[in-house]
N, C-alpha and C. Protein backbone atom coordinates (compact mmCIF):
# COMPACT_ATOMS: atom_id res chain seq x y z
N MET A 1 -107.42 -29.00 -30.99
CA MET A 1 -106.49 -27.63 -32.20
C MET A 1 -104.53 -28.63 -32.54
N ILE A 2 -104.37 -28.46 -33.94
CA ILE A 2 -103.01 -29.14 -34.27
C ILE A 2 -102.82 -27.56 -33.95
N ASP A 3 -101.37 -27.74 -32.95
CA ASP A 3 -100.22 -27.02 -32.77
C ASP A 3 -98.92 -27.08 -34.58
N LEU A 4 -99.32 -25.74 -35.22
CA LEU A 4 -97.89 -26.32 -36.99
C LEU A 4 -96.52 -25.55 -36.41
N LEU A 5 -96.49 -25.52 -35.18
CA LEU A 5 -95.12 -24.27 -35.09
C LEU A 5 -94.52 -25.55 -34.69
N ALA A 6 -94.97 -26.80 -34.04
CA ALA A 6 -94.37 -28.09 -33.23
C ALA A 6 -93.57 -28.79 -34.54
N ASP A 7 -93.85 -28.91 -35.30
CA ASP A 7 -93.40 -29.70 -36.79
C ASP A 7 -92.56 -29.02 -38.01
N LYS A 8 -93.11 -27.39 -37.76
CA LYS A 8 -91.94 -26.43 -38.40
C LYS A 8 -90.27 -26.53 -38.05
N GLN A 9 -89.70 -27.13 -38.73
CA GLN A 9 -88.48 -27.83 -38.25
C GLN A 9 -87.19 -26.11 -39.25
N CYS A 10 -86.22 -26.08 -39.31
CA CYS A 10 -85.22 -25.55 -39.21
C CYS A 10 -84.05 -26.47 -39.98
N ASP A 11 -83.25 -26.30 -41.40
CA ASP A 11 -82.70 -27.01 -42.20
C ASP A 11 -82.10 -27.11 -40.49
N LEU A 12 -81.05 -28.77 -41.12
CA LEU A 12 -79.84 -28.83 -40.71
C LEU A 12 -78.34 -28.13 -41.60
N LEU A 13 -77.73 -27.48 -40.30
CA LEU A 13 -76.59 -27.20 -40.65
C LEU A 13 -75.51 -27.40 -40.72
N MET A 14 -74.89 -27.36 -41.87
CA MET A 14 -73.57 -27.41 -42.13
C MET A 14 -72.47 -27.17 -41.57
N ASP A 15 -71.59 -27.78 -41.24
CA ASP A 15 -69.64 -26.80 -40.14
C ASP A 15 -69.29 -25.70 -41.57
N PRO A 16 -69.33 -24.82 -41.26
CA PRO A 16 -68.39 -24.40 -42.04
C PRO A 16 -67.14 -24.73 -42.92
N VAL A 17 -65.99 -24.16 -43.63
CA VAL A 17 -65.07 -25.04 -43.64
C VAL A 17 -63.83 -24.61 -42.59
N HIS A 18 -63.24 -25.09 -42.08
CA HIS A 18 -61.90 -24.66 -40.85
C HIS A 18 -63.43 -23.86 -39.69
N GLY A 19 -64.33 -25.02 -39.51
CA GLY A 19 -64.41 -24.83 -38.22
C GLY A 19 -65.58 -25.80 -38.15
N LYS A 20 -66.97 -25.02 -36.84
CA LYS A 20 -68.19 -25.96 -36.61
C LYS A 20 -69.32 -25.20 -36.37
N VAL A 21 -70.52 -26.31 -36.15
CA VAL A 21 -72.09 -25.43 -36.20
C VAL A 21 -72.26 -26.37 -34.63
N HIS A 22 -72.73 -25.66 -33.99
CA HIS A 22 -73.23 -26.75 -32.99
C HIS A 22 -75.12 -26.15 -32.18
N GLN A 23 -75.60 -26.75 -32.56
CA GLN A 23 -77.60 -26.95 -32.83
C GLN A 23 -77.89 -27.56 -31.17
N THR A 24 -78.60 -26.26 -31.03
CA THR A 24 -79.23 -26.98 -30.49
C THR A 24 -80.67 -28.28 -30.69
N GLY A 25 -80.78 -28.31 -31.56
CA GLY A 25 -82.21 -28.36 -32.51
C GLY A 25 -82.46 -27.93 -33.82
N ARG A 26 -83.36 -28.36 -34.14
CA ARG A 26 -83.44 -27.69 -35.45
C ARG A 26 -85.42 -26.75 -34.81
N TYR A 27 -85.91 -26.95 -33.79
CA TYR A 27 -86.62 -26.42 -34.36
C TYR A 27 -87.37 -25.10 -33.42
N LEU A 28 -87.69 -24.12 -32.93
CA LEU A 28 -88.96 -22.61 -32.81
C LEU A 28 -88.08 -22.75 -31.98
N GLY A 29 -86.68 -21.69 -31.45
CA GLY A 29 -86.10 -20.84 -30.46
C GLY A 29 -84.94 -22.09 -30.12
N ASP A 30 -84.62 -22.98 -31.26
CA ASP A 30 -83.13 -23.30 -30.83
C ASP A 30 -81.87 -22.37 -31.50
N ARG A 31 -80.98 -22.70 -31.22
CA ARG A 31 -79.61 -21.97 -31.52
C ARG A 31 -78.76 -22.69 -32.18
N ALA A 32 -77.63 -22.33 -33.05
CA ALA A 32 -77.09 -22.55 -33.85
C ALA A 32 -75.98 -21.56 -33.68
N ILE A 33 -74.72 -21.85 -33.14
CA ILE A 33 -73.81 -21.49 -32.40
C ILE A 33 -72.61 -21.74 -33.26
N TYR A 34 -71.58 -21.12 -34.10
CA TYR A 34 -70.51 -21.46 -35.15
C TYR A 34 -69.61 -20.95 -34.46
N THR A 35 -67.72 -22.22 -34.77
CA THR A 35 -66.46 -21.38 -34.26
C THR A 35 -65.89 -21.66 -34.83
N CYS A 36 -64.96 -21.01 -35.39
CA CYS A 36 -63.51 -21.50 -35.95
C CYS A 36 -62.51 -22.35 -35.07
N SER A 37 -61.76 -22.93 -36.07
CA SER A 37 -60.58 -23.51 -36.20
C SER A 37 -59.40 -22.60 -35.57
N ARG A 38 -58.63 -23.16 -34.90
CA ARG A 38 -57.30 -22.14 -34.74
C ARG A 38 -57.00 -21.67 -35.61
N GLY A 39 -56.72 -20.07 -35.48
CA GLY A 39 -55.83 -19.49 -36.59
C GLY A 39 -57.29 -19.15 -37.27
N TRP A 40 -58.25 -19.28 -37.41
CA TRP A 40 -58.95 -18.86 -38.51
C TRP A 40 -60.12 -17.47 -37.25
N GLU A 41 -60.86 -16.74 -38.08
CA GLU A 41 -61.96 -16.02 -37.40
C GLU A 41 -63.53 -15.98 -38.16
N ILE A 42 -64.68 -16.06 -37.23
CA ILE A 42 -65.75 -15.92 -37.73
C ILE A 42 -66.17 -14.32 -38.56
N ILE A 43 -66.65 -14.73 -39.20
CA ILE A 43 -67.03 -13.37 -40.19
C ILE A 43 -68.40 -13.63 -40.75
N GLY A 44 -69.10 -12.39 -39.81
CA GLY A 44 -70.49 -12.70 -39.52
C GLY A 44 -71.14 -13.15 -38.29
N ALA A 45 -72.82 -13.55 -37.41
CA ALA A 45 -73.37 -13.56 -36.84
C ALA A 45 -72.17 -14.94 -36.60
N GLU A 46 -72.82 -14.88 -35.48
CA GLU A 46 -71.68 -16.53 -34.67
C GLU A 46 -73.05 -17.46 -34.05
N GLU A 47 -73.57 -16.40 -33.88
CA GLU A 47 -75.26 -17.39 -33.21
C GLU A 47 -76.70 -17.56 -34.20
N ARG A 48 -77.03 -18.52 -34.96
CA ARG A 48 -78.00 -18.45 -35.23
C ARG A 48 -79.22 -18.40 -34.53
N VAL A 49 -80.59 -17.99 -34.56
CA VAL A 49 -81.53 -18.43 -34.11
C VAL A 49 -82.79 -19.01 -35.30
N CYS A 50 -83.27 -20.47 -34.68
CA CYS A 50 -84.41 -21.36 -35.86
C CYS A 50 -85.76 -20.06 -35.20
N GLN A 51 -86.38 -19.77 -36.13
CA GLN A 51 -87.74 -18.59 -35.64
C GLN A 51 -88.61 -19.87 -36.99
N ASP A 52 -89.41 -19.44 -36.62
CA ASP A 52 -91.07 -20.15 -36.90
C ASP A 52 -91.44 -19.82 -38.09
N ASN A 53 -91.02 -18.91 -38.98
CA ASN A 53 -91.03 -19.61 -39.78
C ASN A 53 -89.92 -20.76 -40.69
N GLY A 54 -89.76 -21.23 -40.15
CA GLY A 54 -88.40 -22.20 -40.39
C GLY A 54 -87.69 -21.76 -41.10
N GLN A 55 -86.81 -21.20 -41.01
CA GLN A 55 -85.45 -20.02 -41.67
C GLN A 55 -84.78 -19.97 -39.77
N TRP A 56 -83.89 -19.88 -40.25
CA TRP A 56 -82.59 -19.50 -39.57
C TRP A 56 -82.29 -17.88 -39.35
N SER A 57 -82.30 -17.56 -38.45
CA SER A 57 -82.03 -15.73 -38.80
C SER A 57 -80.43 -16.11 -38.31
N ASN A 58 -80.20 -14.53 -39.57
CA ASN A 58 -78.76 -14.25 -39.89
C ASN A 58 -78.26 -14.75 -40.87
N GLU A 59 -77.33 -14.33 -41.62
CA GLU A 59 -76.55 -15.00 -42.66
C GLU A 59 -75.76 -16.05 -41.92
N GLU A 60 -75.05 -17.20 -43.00
CA GLU A 60 -74.33 -17.87 -42.53
C GLU A 60 -72.83 -17.79 -43.00
N PRO A 61 -72.62 -17.85 -40.84
CA PRO A 61 -71.01 -17.22 -41.51
C PRO A 61 -70.10 -17.83 -41.80
N PHE A 62 -68.77 -17.42 -41.91
CA PHE A 62 -68.00 -18.01 -42.89
C PHE A 62 -66.28 -17.87 -41.33
N CYS A 63 -65.60 -18.78 -42.03
CA CYS A 63 -64.21 -18.93 -40.93
C CYS A 63 -63.55 -18.23 -42.48
N LYS A 64 -61.96 -17.13 -41.89
CA LYS A 64 -61.24 -16.88 -42.15
C LYS A 64 -60.45 -16.24 -41.92
N LYS A 65 -58.85 -17.11 -42.29
CA LYS A 65 -57.80 -17.00 -42.11
C LYS A 65 -57.21 -15.82 -41.51
N ARG A 66 -57.18 -15.08 -40.17
CA ARG A 66 -56.41 -14.65 -39.09
C ARG A 66 -54.78 -14.13 -39.61
N GLY A 67 -55.58 -12.80 -39.81
CA GLY A 67 -53.30 -12.46 -40.48
C GLY A 67 -53.80 -11.62 -41.77
């Protein structure tokens, strides 16, 4: 039997403006960790997980200037 889950990939994520996304991969269970540049703060979830439906969990966060 072919494992269909092994072929399902989540999209490659782009860095947010004034930040970075660090992906462990694009397959089921892989994680994406978001960070912002100095002087900016993350708004939303800092971590997203690749799910079995090929979608990332949570909404894409963004960086907002502090202060």
